Amino acid sequence: MVVMKISPIDAGEYFRGLLLLIGKDRTITEAEKELMKRIGKTLGFEREFCDNAIRDVLENKYIADTPPEFSTNDLAMKFIKDGLAIAFSDNKLHMSEAEWLRSTA
């Protein structure tokens, strides 16, 4: 596994984007939660922050629903790959998740 060094801004956008993705079908599965916690840890976020963000994403009206923007194309590609992994973690790709990933790409 290649670990990319990313800025705090890119890390925040990455995590926010994946949070939005898991909320698109209005259901957050245990598999999605676990993947988000792992990614959050890799990005340097505290476990409590990740837990709260995951728990609150469906009701948080202050989280911007715009696709994330990254400083490099490599990071954007990694985001799409992780997004697909999370979207398929419940063994089905919901139309709202697919459309959001497509608009992000």
C-alpha atoms as a PDB file:
ATOM      1  CA  MET A   1       0.000   0.000   0.000  1.00  0.00           C
ATOM      2  CA  VAL A   2       1.371   3.393  -1.016  1.00  0.00           C
ATOM      3  CA  VAL A   3       0.677   6.090   1.536  1.00  0.00           C
ATOM      4  CA  MET A   4       0.293   9.574   0.136  1.00  0.00           C
ATOM      5  CA  LYS A   5       1.273  12.614   2.176  1.00  0.00           C
ATOM      6  CA  ILE A   6      -1.582  15.080   1.902  1.00  0.00           C
ATOM      7  CA  SER A   7      -2.325  18.502   3.304  1.00  0.00           C
ATOM      8  CA  PRO A   8      -4.832  19.016   6.119  1.00  0.00           C
ATOM      9  CA  ILE A   9      -7.156  20.738   3.640  1.00  0.00           C
ATOM     10  CA  ASP A  10      -7.045  17.775   1.250  1.00  0.00           C
ATOM     11  CA  ALA A  11      -7.535  15.379   4.191  1.00  0.00           C
ATOM     12  CA  GLY A  12     -10.617  17.306   5.300  1.00  0.00           C
ATOM     13  CA  GLU A  13     -12.040  17.347   1.790  1.00  0.00           C
ATOM     14  CA  TYR A  14     -11.345  13.626   1.394  1.00  0.00           C
ATOM     15  CA  PHE A  15     -13.131  12.712   4.610  1.00  0.00           C
ATOM     16  CA  ARG A  16     -16.030  15.134   3.956  1.00  0.00           C
ATOM     17  CA  GLY A  17     -16.489  13.751   0.452  1.00  0.00           C
ATOM     18  CA  LEU A  18     -16.633  10.166   1.662  1.00  0.00           C
ATOM     19  CA  LEU A  19     -19.054  11.163   4.434  1.00  0.00           C
ATOM     20  CA  LEU A  20     -21.352  12.679   1.839  1.00  0.00           C
ATOM     21  CA  LEU A  21     -21.064   9.548  -0.262  1.00  0.00           C
ATOM     22  CA  ILE A  22     -22.086   7.164   2.528  1.00  0.00           C
ATOM     23  CA  GLY A  23     -25.106   9.342   3.249  1.00  0.00           C
ATOM     24  CA  LYS A  24     -26.381   9.473  -0.329  1.00  0.00           C
ATOM     25  CA  ASP A  25     -28.600   6.399   0.039  1.00  0.00           C
ATOM     26  CA  ARG A  26     -29.772   7.656   3.480  1.00  0.00           C
ATOM     27  CA  THR A  27     -28.496   4.427   5.100  1.00  0.00           C
ATOM     28  CA  ILE A  28     -25.087   3.954   6.680  1.00  0.00           C
ATOM     29  CA  THR A  29     -24.087   0.312   7.021  1.00  0.00           C
ATOM     30  CA  GLU A  30     -21.638  -1.163   9.524  1.00  0.00           C
ATOM     31  CA  ALA A  31     -19.233  -1.879   6.659  1.00  0.00           C
ATOM     32  CA  GLU A  32     -19.346   1.784   5.616  1.00  0.00           C
ATOM     33  CA  LYS A  33     -18.776   2.900   9.208  1.00  0.00           C
ATOM     34  CA  GLU A  34     -15.741   0.648   9.605  1.00  0.00           C
ATOM     35  CA  LEU A  35     -14.203   1.770   6.318  1.00  0.00           C
ATOM     36  CA  MET A  36     -14.760   5.425   7.233  1.00  0.00           C
ATOM     37  CA  LYS A  37     -13.148   4.935  10.641  1.00  0.00           C
ATOM     38  CA  ARG A  38     -10.125   3.288   9.031  1.00  0.00           C
ATOM     39  CA  ILE A  39      -9.793   6.033   6.432  1.00  0.00           C
ATOM     40  CA  GLY A  40     -10.285   8.719   9.077  1.00  0.00           C
ATOM     41  CA  LYS A  41      -7.490   7.225  11.162  1.00  0.00           C
ATOM     42  CA  THR A  42      -5.203   7.080   8.115  1.00  0.00           C
ATOM     43  CA  LEU A  43      -5.966  10.740   7.425  1.00  0.00           C
ATOM     44  CA  GLY A  44      -5.008  11.637  10.997  1.00  0.00           C
ATOM     45  CA  PHE A  45      -8.434  12.293  12.480  1.00  0.00           C
ATOM     46  CA  GLU A  46      -9.312  11.356  16.072  1.00  0.00           C
ATOM     47  CA  ARG A  47     -11.604   8.364  16.485  1.00  0.00           C
ATOM     48  CA  GLU A  48     -14.203  10.409  18.388  1.00  0.00           C
ATOM     49  CA  PHE A  49     -14.321  12.995  15.589  1.00  0.00           C
ATOM     50  CA  CYS A  50     -14.869  10.237  13.013  1.00  0.00           C
ATOM     51  CA  ASP A  51     -17.543   8.526  15.106  1.00  0.00           C
ATOM     52  CA  ASN A  52     -19.437  11.798  15.579  1.00  0.00           C
ATOM     53  CA  ALA A  53     -19.151  12.798  11.929  1.00  0.00           C
ATOM     54  CA  ILE A  54     -20.410   9.406  10.743  1.00  0.00           C
ATOM     55  CA  ARG A  55     -23.272   9.428  13.244  1.00  0.00           C
ATOM     56  CA  ASP A  56     -24.350  12.979  12.379  1.00  0.00           C
ATOM     57  CA  VAL A  57     -23.844  13.114   8.620  1.00  0.00           C
ATOM     58  CA  LEU A  58     -27.473  12.382   7.721  1.00  0.00           C
ATOM     59  CA  GLU A  59     -28.788  15.247   9.874  1.00  0.00           C
ATOM     60  CA  ASN A  60     -25.927  17.737   9.554  1.00  0.00           C
ATOM     61  CA  LYS A  61     -27.344  20.580   7.465  1.00  0.00           C
ATOM     62  CA  TYR A  62     -24.051  22.499   7.685  1.00  0.00           C
ATOM     63  CA  ILE A  63     -21.913  20.041   5.727  1.00  0.00           C
ATOM     64  CA  ALA A  64     -21.480  21.375   2.205  1.00  0.00           C
ATOM     65  CA  ASP A  65     -22.975  18.982  -0.352  1.00  0.00           C
ATOM     66  CA  THR A  66     -20.492  19.957  -3.027  1.00  0.00           C
ATOM     67  CA  PRO A  67     -18.032  17.447  -4.482  1.00  0.00           C
ATOM     68  CA  PRO A  68     -14.551  17.699  -2.975  1.00  0.00           C
ATOM     69  CA  GLU A  69     -11.715  19.336  -4.866  1.00  0.00           C
ATOM     70  CA  PHE A  70      -8.137  18.167  -4.438  1.00  0.00           C
ATOM     71  CA  SER A  71      -4.729  19.684  -5.044  1.00  0.00           C
ATOM     72  CA  THR A  72      -3.553  16.784  -7.247  1.00  0.00           C
ATOM     73  CA  ASN A  73      -5.059  14.467  -9.821  1.00  0.00           C
ATOM     74  CA  ASP A  74      -3.472  11.475  -8.058  1.00  0.00           C
ATOM     75  CA  LEU A  75      -5.386  12.265  -4.882  1.00  0.00           C
ATOM     76  CA  ALA A  76      -8.607  12.730  -6.834  1.00  0.00           C
ATOM     77  CA  MET A  77      -8.133   9.297  -8.449  1.00  0.00           C
ATOM     78  CA  LYS A  78      -7.458   7.724  -5.041  1.00  0.00           C
ATOM     79  CA  PHE A  79     -10.652   9.344  -3.749  1.00  0.00           C
ATOM     80  CA  ILE A  80     -12.724   7.863  -6.578  1.00  0.00           C
ATOM     81  CA  LYS A  81     -11.231   4.406  -5.940  1.00  0.00           C
ATOM     82  CA  ASP A  82     -11.935   4.625  -2.203  1.00  0.00           C
ATOM     83  CA  GLY A  83     -15.388   5.987  -2.988  1.00  0.00           C
ATOM     84  CA  LEU A  84     -16.161   2.996  -5.176  1.00  0.00           C
ATOM     85  CA  ALA A  85     -14.921   0.622  -2.466  1.00  0.00           C
ATOM     86  CA  ILE A  86     -17.170   2.260   0.099  1.00  0.00           C
ATOM     87  CA  ALA A  87     -20.135   2.434  -2.277  1.00  0.00           C
ATOM     88  CA  PHE A  88     -19.833  -1.310  -2.981  1.00  0.00           C
ATOM     89  CA  SER A  89     -19.190  -2.246   0.671  1.00  0.00           C
ATOM     90  CA  ASP A  90     -22.866  -3.176   1.090  1.00  0.00           C
ATOM     91  CA  ASN A  91     -22.694  -5.301  -2.086  1.00  0.00           C
ATOM     92  CA  LYS A  92     -24.793  -2.912  -4.161  1.00  0.00           C
ATOM     93  CA  LEU A  93     -24.191   0.420  -5.814  1.00  0.00           C
ATOM     94  CA  HIS A  94     -27.082   2.796  -5.249  1.00  0.00           C
ATOM     95  CA  MET A  95     -27.954   5.176  -8.074  1.00  0.00           C
ATOM     96  CA  SER A  96     -27.494   8.237  -5.836  1.00  0.00           C
ATOM     97  CA  GLU A  97     -23.983   7.069  -4.886  1.00  0.00           C
ATOM     98  CA  ALA A  98     -23.042   6.385  -8.502  1.00  0.00           C
ATOM     99  CA  GLU A  99     -24.342   9.752  -9.668  1.00  0.00           C
ATOM    100  CA  TRP A 100     -22.480  11.585  -6.909  1.00  0.00           C
ATOM    101  CA  LEU A 101     -19.204   9.814  -7.678  1.00  0.00           C
ATOM    102  CA  ARG A 102     -19.655  10.571 -11.374  1.00  0.00           C
ATOM    103  CA  SER A 103     -20.240  14.276 -10.671  1.00  0.00           C
ATOM    104  CA  THR A 104     -17.166  14.290  -8.414  1.00  0.00           C
ATOM    105  CA  ALA A 105     -14.994  12.733 -11.100  1.00  0.00           C
END
